């Protein structure tokens, strides 16, 4: 299969909280552990490597942050083999935030890349068979997050 565009898993959601709160909820593991992973080794910061764990599933991943623009964007690499994840935070009217998550750079040949991106995408989108969308994405279902 010839790939004309890089396979990308994408999800977006409107969160009825100010952009600064949503951003902080992603970078601060004390907050993130209340809705996504169960343990984080540290706060996300540019150039920093942290470990995220989902102990209830027995899985974890190393996250390496390459760029952070406060309240706007986080660019990181995670998994083995690593993929790139870009979190974009857009301020919306009424103290709301639109959060978009894009995951790309899947390993393998064309067919494998498409399969991995589609599988990850299904986990992020509730209407496509996922559980709770971005905040409820199960890491054990991702083809790129390793078992502990």
N, C-alpha and C. Protein backbone atom coordinates (compact mmCIF):
# COMPACT_ATOMS: atom_id res chain seq x y z
N UNK A 1 0.84 -1.17 0.00
CA UNK A 1 0.00 0.00 0.00
C UNK A 1 0.89 1.24 0.00
N UNK A 2 0.64 2.16 -0.87
CA UNK A 2 1.37 3.41 -0.93
C UNK A 2 0.68 4.43 -0.04
N UNK A 3 1.46 5.07 0.83
CA UNK A 3 0.91 6.07 1.73
C UNK A 3 1.17 7.45 1.13
N UNK A 4 0.12 8.22 0.98
CA UNK A 4 0.25 9.57 0.45
C UNK A 4 0.28 10.61 1.55
N UNK A 5 -0.33 10.29 2.68
CA UNK A 5 -0.31 11.16 3.85
C UNK A 5 0.08 10.31 5.05
N UNK A 6 0.78 10.91 5.99
CA UNK A 6 1.20 10.20 7.19
C UNK A 6 -0.03 9.80 8.01
N UNK A 7 -0.18 8.51 8.33
CA UNK A 7 -1.31 8.09 9.17
C UNK A 7 -1.25 8.80 10.53
N UNK A 8 -2.35 9.41 10.89
CA UNK A 8 -2.43 10.18 12.13
C UNK A 8 -3.71 9.85 12.87
N UNK A 9 -3.57 9.59 14.16
CA UNK A 9 -4.74 9.42 15.02
C UNK A 9 -5.05 10.80 15.60
N UNK A 10 -6.30 11.21 15.50
CA UNK A 10 -6.69 12.54 15.97
C UNK A 10 -7.94 12.45 16.82
N UNK A 11 -7.96 13.28 17.85
CA UNK A 11 -9.15 13.39 18.69
C UNK A 11 -9.26 14.83 19.16
N UNK A 12 -10.47 15.26 19.38
CA UNK A 12 -10.68 16.61 19.89
C UNK A 12 -11.90 16.63 20.78
N UNK A 13 -11.87 17.52 21.74
CA UNK A 13 -13.02 17.63 22.62
C UNK A 13 -13.12 19.04 23.18
N UNK A 14 -14.34 19.48 23.39
CA UNK A 14 -14.59 20.76 24.02
C UNK A 14 -14.70 20.50 25.52
N UNK A 15 -13.90 21.22 26.28
CA UNK A 15 -13.88 21.08 27.73
C UNK A 15 -14.34 22.42 28.32
N UNK A 16 -15.32 22.37 29.14
CA UNK A 16 -15.90 23.60 29.69
C UNK A 16 -15.13 24.08 30.92
N UNK A 17 -13.85 24.33 30.68
CA UNK A 17 -12.95 24.88 31.69
C UNK A 17 -12.01 25.83 30.98
N UNK A 18 -11.47 26.85 31.67
CA UNK A 18 -10.53 27.78 31.05
C UNK A 18 -9.27 27.07 30.55
N UNK A 19 -8.67 27.60 29.52
CA UNK A 19 -7.53 26.96 28.89
C UNK A 19 -6.38 26.73 29.87
N UNK A 20 -6.13 27.66 30.78
CA UNK A 20 -5.04 27.50 31.75
C UNK A 20 -5.27 26.29 32.65
N UNK A 21 -6.52 26.03 33.04
CA UNK A 21 -6.83 24.86 33.87
C UNK A 21 -6.67 23.56 33.10
N UNK A 22 -7.10 23.55 31.86
CA UNK A 22 -6.98 22.33 31.05
C UNK A 22 -5.50 22.02 30.79
N UNK A 23 -4.73 23.04 30.45
CA UNK A 23 -3.30 22.86 30.22
C UNK A 23 -2.63 22.31 31.48
N UNK A 24 -2.93 22.91 32.61
CA UNK A 24 -2.34 22.47 33.88
C UNK A 24 -2.74 21.02 34.20
N UNK A 25 -3.94 20.64 33.85
CA UNK A 25 -4.40 19.27 34.10
C UNK A 25 -3.60 18.24 33.32
N UNK A 26 -3.04 18.63 32.19
CA UNK A 26 -2.22 17.71 31.40
C UNK A 26 -0.77 17.71 31.87
N UNK A 27 -0.20 18.84 32.23
CA UNK A 27 1.21 18.90 32.60
C UNK A 27 1.49 18.51 34.05
N UNK A 28 0.50 18.58 34.92
CA UNK A 28 0.70 18.29 36.34
C UNK A 28 0.15 16.91 36.68
N UNK A 29 1.03 15.95 36.98
CA UNK A 29 0.54 14.59 37.25
C UNK A 29 -0.36 14.49 38.48
N UNK A 30 -0.26 15.43 39.40
CA UNK A 30 -1.16 15.41 40.56
C UNK A 30 -2.61 15.60 40.13
N UNK A 31 -2.81 16.29 39.01
CA UNK A 31 -4.16 16.48 38.47
C UNK A 31 -4.49 15.38 37.48
N UNK A 32 -3.55 15.07 36.59
CA UNK A 32 -3.79 14.08 35.52
C UNK A 32 -4.14 12.71 36.09
N UNK A 33 -3.56 12.37 37.23
CA UNK A 33 -3.85 11.06 37.82
C UNK A 33 -5.29 10.95 38.31
N UNK A 34 -6.00 12.04 38.36
CA UNK A 34 -7.40 12.00 38.78
C UNK A 34 -8.33 11.59 37.63
N UNK A 35 -7.81 11.63 36.38
CA UNK A 35 -8.70 11.28 35.26
C UNK A 35 -8.06 10.43 34.17
N UNK A 36 -6.73 10.21 34.21
CA UNK A 36 -6.15 9.43 33.10
C UNK A 36 -5.20 8.36 33.62
N UNK A 37 -3.92 8.67 33.78
CA UNK A 37 -2.98 7.65 34.27
C UNK A 37 -2.96 7.65 35.80
N UNK A 38 -2.42 6.57 36.38
CA UNK A 38 -2.45 6.43 37.84
C UNK A 38 -1.20 6.98 38.52
N UNK A 39 -0.10 7.10 37.79
CA UNK A 39 1.13 7.62 38.39
C UNK A 39 1.97 8.31 37.32
N UNK A 40 2.51 9.48 37.65
CA UNK A 40 3.43 10.19 36.77
C UNK A 40 4.67 10.55 37.56
N UNK A 41 5.85 10.37 36.97
CA UNK A 41 7.09 10.60 37.71
C UNK A 41 7.44 12.08 37.86
N UNK A 42 6.77 12.94 37.13
CA UNK A 42 7.06 14.37 37.25
C UNK A 42 6.20 15.21 36.33
N UNK A 43 6.32 16.48 36.50
CA UNK A 43 5.59 17.46 35.70
C UNK A 43 6.19 17.53 34.30
N UNK A 44 5.33 17.72 33.28
CA UNK A 44 5.83 17.87 31.92
C UNK A 44 6.53 19.22 31.79
N UNK A 45 7.72 19.20 31.19
CA UNK A 45 8.48 20.41 30.94
C UNK A 45 9.36 20.17 29.73
N UNK A 46 9.64 21.19 28.98
CA UNK A 46 10.42 21.07 27.75
C UNK A 46 11.78 20.41 28.02
N UNK A 47 12.11 19.40 27.23
CA UNK A 47 13.36 18.67 27.37
C UNK A 47 13.38 17.63 28.46
N UNK A 48 12.28 17.46 29.16
CA UNK A 48 12.22 16.55 30.30
C UNK A 48 11.63 15.19 29.89
N UNK A 49 12.12 14.14 30.55
CA UNK A 49 11.58 12.80 30.35
C UNK A 49 10.87 12.38 31.63
N UNK A 50 9.64 11.90 31.49
CA UNK A 50 8.87 11.42 32.64
C UNK A 50 8.29 10.05 32.30
N UNK A 51 7.83 9.37 33.32
CA UNK A 51 7.22 8.05 33.14
C UNK A 51 5.76 8.15 33.58
N UNK A 52 4.86 7.66 32.71
CA UNK A 52 3.44 7.58 33.04
C UNK A 52 3.08 6.12 33.23
N UNK A 53 2.30 5.83 34.26
CA UNK A 53 1.89 4.45 34.54
C UNK A 53 0.37 4.36 34.67
N UNK A 54 -0.17 3.29 34.14
CA UNK A 54 -1.57 2.94 34.31
C UNK A 54 -1.54 1.61 35.06
N UNK A 55 -1.40 1.68 36.38
CA UNK A 55 -1.16 0.49 37.20
C UNK A 55 -2.32 -0.50 37.14
N UNK A 56 -3.54 0.00 36.95
CA UNK A 56 -4.68 -0.91 36.89
C UNK A 56 -4.63 -1.81 35.66
N UNK A 57 -3.87 -1.41 34.63
CA UNK A 57 -3.70 -2.22 33.42
C UNK A 57 -2.32 -2.86 33.33
N UNK A 58 -1.41 -2.47 34.24
CA UNK A 58 -0.06 -3.01 34.21
C UNK A 58 0.76 -2.50 33.04
N UNK A 59 0.53 -1.26 32.62
CA UNK A 59 1.27 -0.69 31.50
C UNK A 59 1.86 0.67 31.88
N UNK A 60 2.89 1.05 31.12
CA UNK A 60 3.53 2.34 31.35
C UNK A 60 4.20 2.79 30.06
N UNK A 61 4.59 4.04 30.03
CA UNK A 61 5.31 4.58 28.88
C UNK A 61 6.21 5.71 29.35
N UNK A 62 7.30 5.90 28.62
CA UNK A 62 8.18 7.03 28.84
C UNK A 62 7.75 8.15 27.92
N UNK A 63 7.65 9.34 28.46
CA UNK A 63 7.24 10.53 27.71
C UNK A 63 8.42 11.49 27.70
N UNK A 64 8.82 11.91 26.50
CA UNK A 64 9.88 12.89 26.35
C UNK A 64 9.29 14.14 25.71
N UNK A 65 9.32 15.24 26.44
CA UNK A 65 8.72 16.49 25.97
C UNK A 65 9.74 17.27 25.16
N UNK A 66 9.38 17.62 23.93
CA UNK A 66 10.30 18.39 23.09
C UNK A 66 9.93 19.87 23.05
N UNK A 67 8.66 20.19 23.30
CA UNK A 67 8.26 21.60 23.24
C UNK A 67 7.01 21.82 24.09
N UNK A 68 7.03 22.92 24.82
CA UNK A 68 5.84 23.35 25.55
C UNK A 68 5.68 24.85 25.34
N UNK A 69 4.48 25.24 24.95
CA UNK A 69 4.09 26.64 24.89
C UNK A 69 2.90 26.73 25.84
N UNK A 70 3.11 27.39 26.97
CA UNK A 70 2.09 27.43 28.02
C UNK A 70 0.72 27.81 27.48
N UNK A 71 -0.26 26.99 27.84
CA UNK A 71 -1.67 27.21 27.49
C UNK A 71 -1.96 27.10 26.00
N UNK A 72 -1.00 26.63 25.19
CA UNK A 72 -1.21 26.52 23.75
C UNK A 72 -0.87 25.15 23.18
N UNK A 73 0.32 24.61 23.55
CA UNK A 73 0.76 23.40 22.86
C UNK A 73 1.76 22.61 23.69
N UNK A 74 1.68 21.27 23.55
CA UNK A 74 2.68 20.35 24.10
C UNK A 74 3.04 19.40 22.97
N UNK A 75 4.33 19.23 22.73
CA UNK A 75 4.81 18.26 21.75
C UNK A 75 5.68 17.28 22.50
N UNK A 76 5.37 15.99 22.35
CA UNK A 76 6.10 14.97 23.08
C UNK A 76 6.24 13.70 22.24
N UNK A 77 7.15 12.85 22.66
CA UNK A 77 7.30 11.52 22.06
C UNK A 77 7.03 10.53 23.18
N UNK A 78 6.37 9.43 22.82
CA UNK A 78 6.11 8.39 23.81
C UNK A 78 6.11 7.04 23.13
N UNK A 79 6.17 6.01 23.91
CA UNK A 79 6.05 4.62 23.47
C UNK A 79 7.33 4.05 22.92
N UNK A 80 7.25 2.78 22.58
CA UNK A 80 8.37 2.05 22.00
C UNK A 80 7.82 1.11 20.95
N UNK A 81 8.04 1.37 19.68
CA UNK A 81 8.82 2.48 19.12
C UNK A 81 8.08 3.80 19.31
N UNK A 82 8.85 4.89 19.44
CA UNK A 82 8.23 6.17 19.77
C UNK A 82 7.37 6.75 18.65
N UNK A 83 6.29 7.43 19.06
CA UNK A 83 5.45 8.21 18.17
C UNK A 83 5.40 9.63 18.73
N UNK A 84 5.00 10.56 17.90
CA UNK A 84 4.89 11.96 18.32
C UNK A 84 3.44 12.26 18.66
N UNK A 85 3.24 12.96 19.75
CA UNK A 85 1.91 13.40 20.17
C UNK A 85 1.94 14.92 20.31
N UNK A 86 0.99 15.58 19.66
CA UNK A 86 0.87 17.03 19.77
C UNK A 86 -0.48 17.35 20.40
N UNK A 87 -0.43 18.04 21.51
CA UNK A 87 -1.63 18.50 22.22
C UNK A 87 -1.78 19.99 21.91
N UNK A 88 -2.92 20.40 21.38
CA UNK A 88 -3.17 21.80 21.07
C UNK A 88 -4.37 22.29 21.88
N UNK A 89 -4.18 23.40 22.57
CA UNK A 89 -5.19 23.97 23.46
C UNK A 89 -5.67 25.29 22.83
N UNK A 90 -6.96 25.37 22.53
CA UNK A 90 -7.52 26.57 21.92
C UNK A 90 -8.58 27.16 22.83
N UNK A 91 -8.37 28.42 23.19
CA UNK A 91 -9.35 29.11 24.03
C UNK A 91 -10.64 29.33 23.24
N UNK A 92 -11.76 29.02 23.87
CA UNK A 92 -13.07 29.16 23.24
C UNK A 92 -13.93 30.11 24.08
N UNK A 93 -15.01 30.63 23.51
CA UNK A 93 -15.89 31.52 24.28
C UNK A 93 -16.48 30.80 25.51
N UNK A 94 -16.80 31.59 26.51
CA UNK A 94 -17.45 31.04 27.70
C UNK A 94 -16.52 30.26 28.60
N UNK A 95 -15.25 30.65 28.68
CA UNK A 95 -14.27 29.96 29.53
C UNK A 95 -14.16 28.47 29.19
N UNK A 96 -14.21 28.15 27.92
CA UNK A 96 -14.07 26.76 27.48
C UNK A 96 -12.77 26.61 26.69
N UNK A 97 -12.36 25.36 26.51
CA UNK A 97 -11.13 25.02 25.79
C UNK A 97 -11.42 23.91 24.81
N UNK A 98 -10.91 24.06 23.59
CA UNK A 98 -10.95 22.96 22.65
C UNK A 98 -9.58 22.30 22.70
N UNK A 99 -9.55 21.02 23.07
CA UNK A 99 -8.31 20.25 23.16
C UNK A 99 -8.25 19.29 21.99
N UNK A 100 -7.19 19.40 21.20
CA UNK A 100 -6.96 18.48 20.08
C UNK A 100 -5.70 17.69 20.37
N UNK A 101 -5.76 16.38 20.13
CA UNK A 101 -4.61 15.50 20.31
C UNK A 101 -4.35 14.80 18.99
N UNK A 102 -3.12 14.91 18.50
CA UNK A 102 -2.71 14.24 17.26
C UNK A 102 -1.53 13.33 17.58
N UNK A 103 -1.62 12.07 17.17
CA UNK A 103 -0.56 11.08 17.39
C UNK A 103 -0.14 10.56 16.02
N UNK A 104 1.16 10.66 15.69
CA UNK A 104 1.64 10.22 14.38
C UNK A 104 3.08 9.71 14.49
N UNK A 105 3.56 9.15 13.38
CA UNK A 105 4.91 8.58 13.36
C UNK A 105 4.92 7.11 13.72
N UNK A 106 3.83 6.42 13.41
CA UNK A 106 3.72 5.00 13.72
C UNK A 106 4.73 4.19 12.90
N UNK A 107 5.30 3.16 13.52
CA UNK A 107 6.30 2.32 12.88
C UNK A 107 5.66 1.31 11.94
N UNK A 108 6.47 0.76 11.06
CA UNK A 108 6.03 -0.32 10.19
C UNK A 108 5.83 0.12 8.76
N UNK A 109 5.41 -0.84 7.94
CA UNK A 109 5.12 -0.51 6.54
C UNK A 109 3.79 0.24 6.48
N UNK A 110 3.38 0.61 5.26
CA UNK A 110 2.16 1.40 5.09
C UNK A 110 0.94 0.79 5.75
N UNK A 111 0.72 -0.51 5.50
CA UNK A 111 -0.45 -1.17 6.09
C UNK A 111 -0.39 -1.16 7.62
N UNK A 112 0.80 -1.42 8.18
CA UNK A 112 0.93 -1.45 9.63
C UNK A 112 0.72 -0.07 10.25
N UNK A 113 1.23 0.97 9.59
CA UNK A 113 1.04 2.33 10.09
C UNK A 113 -0.44 2.70 10.12
N UNK A 114 -1.13 2.40 9.04
CA UNK A 114 -2.56 2.71 8.98
C UNK A 114 -3.31 1.94 10.05
N UNK A 115 -3.02 0.66 10.19
CA UNK A 115 -3.69 -0.17 11.20
C UNK A 115 -3.45 0.38 12.61
N UNK A 116 -2.20 0.74 12.91
CA UNK A 116 -1.89 1.25 14.25
C UNK A 116 -2.57 2.59 14.51
N UNK A 117 -2.57 3.47 13.50
CA UNK A 117 -3.20 4.77 13.72
C UNK A 117 -4.71 4.62 13.87
N UNK A 118 -5.32 3.73 13.09
CA UNK A 118 -6.77 3.51 13.20
C UNK A 118 -7.13 2.89 14.54
N UNK A 119 -6.30 1.96 15.00
CA UNK A 119 -6.55 1.32 16.29
C UNK A 119 -6.47 2.36 17.41
N UNK A 120 -5.44 3.20 17.36
CA UNK A 120 -5.31 4.24 18.37
C UNK A 120 -6.46 5.22 18.29
N UNK A 121 -6.85 5.59 17.08
CA UNK A 121 -7.96 6.53 16.87
C UNK A 121 -9.27 5.99 17.46
N UNK A 122 -9.54 4.71 17.28
CA UNK A 122 -10.76 4.11 17.83
C UNK A 122 -10.79 4.23 19.35
N UNK A 123 -9.63 4.18 19.97
CA UNK A 123 -9.56 4.27 21.43
C UNK A 123 -9.83 5.70 21.90
N UNK A 124 -9.57 6.67 21.05
CA UNK A 124 -9.76 8.07 21.43
C UNK A 124 -11.16 8.58 21.18
N UNK A 125 -11.89 7.96 20.26
CA UNK A 125 -13.21 8.46 19.87
C UNK A 125 -14.31 7.56 20.40
N UNK A 126 -15.13 8.04 21.33
CA UNK A 126 -16.20 7.21 21.89
C UNK A 126 -17.16 6.67 20.83
N UNK A 127 -17.47 7.46 19.81
CA UNK A 127 -18.41 7.01 18.78
C UNK A 127 -17.82 5.95 17.87
N UNK A 128 -16.50 5.81 17.92
CA UNK A 128 -15.84 4.81 17.08
C UNK A 128 -15.45 3.58 17.90
N UNK A 129 -16.05 3.44 19.07
CA UNK A 129 -15.80 2.25 19.87
C UNK A 129 -14.92 2.47 21.08
N UNK A 130 -14.44 3.71 21.29
CA UNK A 130 -13.61 3.99 22.45
C UNK A 130 -14.45 4.08 23.71
N UNK A 131 -13.80 4.24 24.83
CA UNK A 131 -14.52 4.26 26.09
C UNK A 131 -14.99 5.65 26.47
N UNK A 132 -14.07 6.57 26.76
CA UNK A 132 -14.46 7.89 27.24
C UNK A 132 -13.77 8.99 26.46
N UNK A 133 -13.30 8.73 25.29
CA UNK A 133 -12.60 9.76 24.53
C UNK A 133 -11.19 9.98 25.04
N UNK A 134 -10.63 11.14 24.80
CA UNK A 134 -9.24 11.44 25.12
C UNK A 134 -8.92 11.15 26.58
N UNK A 135 -9.73 11.65 27.49
CA UNK A 135 -9.42 11.50 28.91
C UNK A 135 -9.52 10.06 29.38
N UNK A 136 -10.25 9.22 28.67
CA UNK A 136 -10.41 7.84 29.09
C UNK A 136 -9.69 6.85 28.21
N UNK A 137 -8.77 7.33 27.37
CA UNK A 137 -8.05 6.43 26.46
C UNK A 137 -7.29 5.39 27.27
N UNK A 138 -7.47 4.14 26.90
CA UNK A 138 -6.81 3.05 27.60
C UNK A 138 -5.44 2.81 26.99
N UNK A 139 -4.38 2.96 27.75
CA UNK A 139 -3.04 2.77 27.21
C UNK A 139 -2.76 1.34 26.78
N UNK A 140 -3.40 0.37 27.42
CA UNK A 140 -3.15 -1.02 27.06
C UNK A 140 -3.72 -1.34 25.68
N UNK A 141 -4.59 -0.48 25.17
CA UNK A 141 -5.17 -0.71 23.86
C UNK A 141 -4.34 -0.08 22.75
N UNK A 142 -3.40 0.78 23.13
CA UNK A 142 -2.55 1.42 22.13
C UNK A 142 -1.48 0.43 21.69
N UNK A 143 -1.19 0.37 20.39
CA UNK A 143 -0.15 -0.53 19.93
C UNK A 143 1.24 -0.05 20.29
N UNK A 144 1.38 1.14 20.85
CA UNK A 144 2.69 1.71 21.06
C UNK A 144 3.04 1.96 22.52
N UNK A 145 2.26 1.47 23.46
CA UNK A 145 2.59 1.65 24.85
C UNK A 145 2.90 0.28 25.43
N UNK A 146 4.07 0.18 26.08
CA UNK A 146 4.59 -1.10 26.48
C UNK A 146 3.99 -1.59 27.80
N UNK A 147 3.91 -2.90 27.92
CA UNK A 147 3.48 -3.51 29.16
C UNK A 147 4.63 -3.39 30.15
N UNK A 148 4.33 -3.11 31.43
CA UNK A 148 5.37 -2.98 32.46
C UNK A 148 5.92 -4.34 32.82
